[in-house]
Protein backbone atom coordinates (compact mmCIF):
# COMPACT_ATOMS: atom_id res chain seq x y z
CA MET A 1 14.90 -34.51 188.97
CA ALA A 2 11.21 -35.30 189.30
CA THR A 3 9.48 -38.64 189.79
CA ILE A 4 6.02 -40.10 189.38
CA ASP A 5 5.63 -39.53 193.15
CA ASP A 6 6.12 -35.79 192.51
CA VAL A 7 3.40 -35.95 189.86
CA VAL A 8 1.06 -37.69 192.30
CA GLU A 9 1.76 -35.03 194.93
CA ILE A 10 1.03 -32.20 192.48
CA VAL A 11 -2.20 -33.69 191.13
CA SER A 12 -3.43 -34.46 194.64
CA GLY A 13 -3.61 -30.71 195.24
CA LEU A 14 -6.02 -30.18 192.35
CA PRO A 15 -9.81 -30.46 192.74
CA GLU A 16 -11.77 -33.47 191.55
CA VAL A 17 -8.81 -35.37 190.13
CA THR A 18 -9.20 -39.09 189.70
CA GLU A 19 -6.30 -41.46 189.22
CA GLY A 20 -6.80 -44.44 187.00
CA GLU A 21 -5.24 -46.53 184.34
CA ARG A 22 -5.49 -46.15 180.58
CA HIS A 23 -3.69 -48.49 178.20
CA GLY A 24 -1.93 -49.94 181.24
CA ASN A 25 -0.47 -46.58 182.31
CA LEU A 26 -1.24 -44.25 185.22
CA THR A 27 -3.63 -41.52 184.11
CA TRP A 28 -5.02 -38.48 185.92
CA SER A 29 -8.37 -37.05 184.87
CA ILE A 30 -10.79 -34.28 185.70
CA ARG A 31 -14.40 -35.30 185.14
CA ASP A 32 -13.37 -38.13 182.79
CA ARG A 33 -10.99 -35.95 180.73
CA ALA A 34 -7.40 -37.14 180.96
CA PHE A 35 -5.00 -34.27 181.49
CA ALA A 36 -1.79 -36.12 182.40
CA TRP A 37 -0.57 -39.67 181.95
CA ASP A 38 2.52 -41.82 182.21
CA ARG A 39 3.66 -42.30 178.59
CA PRO A 40 6.32 -44.93 177.91
CA PHE A 41 7.56 -45.18 174.34
CA SER A 42 5.84 -47.76 172.16
CA LYS A 43 7.64 -49.93 169.62
CA ALA A 44 6.23 -47.68 166.90
CA ASP A 45 7.57 -44.57 168.70
CA LEU A 46 11.02 -46.14 168.88
CA GLN A 47 10.91 -47.05 165.18
CA ARG A 48 9.96 -43.48 164.27
CA LEU A 49 12.92 -42.20 166.26
CA GLY A 50 15.27 -44.34 164.17
CA ASP A 51 18.86 -44.09 165.37
CA LYS A 52 18.03 -41.29 167.81
CA ALA A 53 17.90 -42.51 171.40
CA PRO A 54 14.66 -41.69 173.24
CA PRO A 55 14.84 -39.59 176.41
CA ALA A 56 15.61 -41.77 179.40
CA GLY A 57 13.43 -42.44 182.42
CA ASN A 58 9.76 -41.82 183.04
CA ILE A 59 7.90 -39.68 180.53
CA LEU A 60 4.74 -37.76 181.41
CA ALA A 61 2.30 -36.52 178.77
CA VAL A 62 0.28 -33.43 179.64
CA ARG A 63 -2.51 -31.68 177.78
CA VAL A 64 -2.21 -28.10 176.63
CA ALA A 65 -5.07 -25.78 175.69
CA ASP A 66 -4.42 -25.92 171.94
CA LEU A 67 -1.73 -26.36 169.30
CA ALA A 68 -0.62 -22.72 169.62
CA GLU A 69 0.07 -23.26 173.32
CA LYS A 70 1.91 -26.48 172.47
CA GLU A 71 4.18 -24.58 170.12
CA ALA A 72 4.75 -21.87 172.75
CA VAL A 73 5.62 -24.45 175.42
CA LEU A 74 8.07 -26.20 173.13
CA ALA A 75 9.58 -22.91 171.92
CA GLY A 76 10.11 -21.86 175.54
CA GLY A 77 13.14 -24.12 175.71
CA ARG A 78 12.41 -25.45 179.18
CA ARG A 79 14.49 -28.48 180.01
CA GLY A 80 12.69 -31.81 179.69
CA PHE A 81 9.84 -30.69 177.39
CA PHE A 82 9.57 -32.29 173.95
CA THR A 83 7.26 -33.99 171.48
CA ILE A 84 7.39 -36.97 169.13
CA PRO A 85 5.82 -37.58 165.71
CA HIS A 86 2.94 -39.54 167.29
CA PHE A 87 1.82 -36.29 168.98
CA ASN A 88 1.79 -34.22 165.77
CA GLY A 89 -1.53 -32.38 165.59
CA PHE A 90 -2.41 -33.33 169.20
CA SER A 91 -2.57 -30.71 171.94
CA ALA A 92 -0.19 -32.33 174.41
CA VAL A 93 3.52 -32.28 175.19
CA LEU A 94 5.84 -34.81 176.75
CA ILE A 95 8.00 -34.22 179.80
CA GLN A 96 11.11 -36.18 180.71
CA LEU A 97 10.75 -36.35 184.48
CA GLU A 98 14.43 -36.82 185.23
CA ALA A 99 15.27 -33.61 183.32
CA VAL A 100 12.44 -31.21 184.24
CA GLU A 101 12.65 -28.56 186.93
CA GLN A 102 10.09 -29.01 189.73
CA ALA A 103 8.53 -25.57 189.17
CA ASP A 104 8.12 -26.25 185.43
CA LEU A 105 6.52 -29.63 186.18
CA GLN A 106 4.09 -28.03 188.64
CA GLU A 107 3.15 -25.34 186.13
CA ALA A 108 2.68 -27.84 183.29
CA ILE A 109 0.43 -30.11 185.36
CA VAL A 110 -1.72 -27.24 186.65
CA ASP A 111 -1.99 -25.83 183.11
CA ALA A 112 -3.00 -29.28 181.83
CA TRP A 113 -5.66 -29.54 184.52
CA LEU A 114 -6.94 -26.04 183.62
CA ALA A 115 -7.07 -27.01 179.94
CA CYS A 116 -9.41 -29.91 180.76
CA ALA A 117 -11.39 -28.67 183.75
CA PRO A 118 -14.86 -27.19 183.29
CA ALA A 119 -14.75 -23.38 183.29
CA ASP A 120 -16.68 -23.01 186.57
CA LEU A 121 -14.33 -25.34 188.42
CA ALA A 122 -11.22 -23.75 186.86
CA ASN A 123 -12.44 -20.28 187.84
CA ARG A 124 -13.10 -21.40 191.42
CA TYR A 125 -9.62 -22.93 191.61
CA LEU A 126 -7.95 -19.81 190.20
CA GLY A 127 -9.91 -17.63 192.61
CA ALA A 128 -8.73 -19.70 195.55
CA THR A 129 -5.03 -19.68 194.63
């Protein structure tokens, strides 16, 4: 089970990350591009879900490079990864923190950072790891 503290620890190891708030939720950005954010369900989200119960606990949204990668991530069947109708056509996935494996969370956050980081910074990071 992962927590927001685990997210903070992972993002703190990435270059030039800033933590802020967007729409009242914690958000992590690279050069003003949000790549991960705390994403509670809105009233509209809950209405779209109908009788289906939303995943419990904290939910993290993370960017992916494009819609093809989003489909690949979701098709991978990793525990805790999902989407909702509000994210249709948007290159991001949701992660239920209490269900995700730590290694999968780490990979998703780093991939999200890479999807938003400038190429020169991403290449320097990849060269150093």
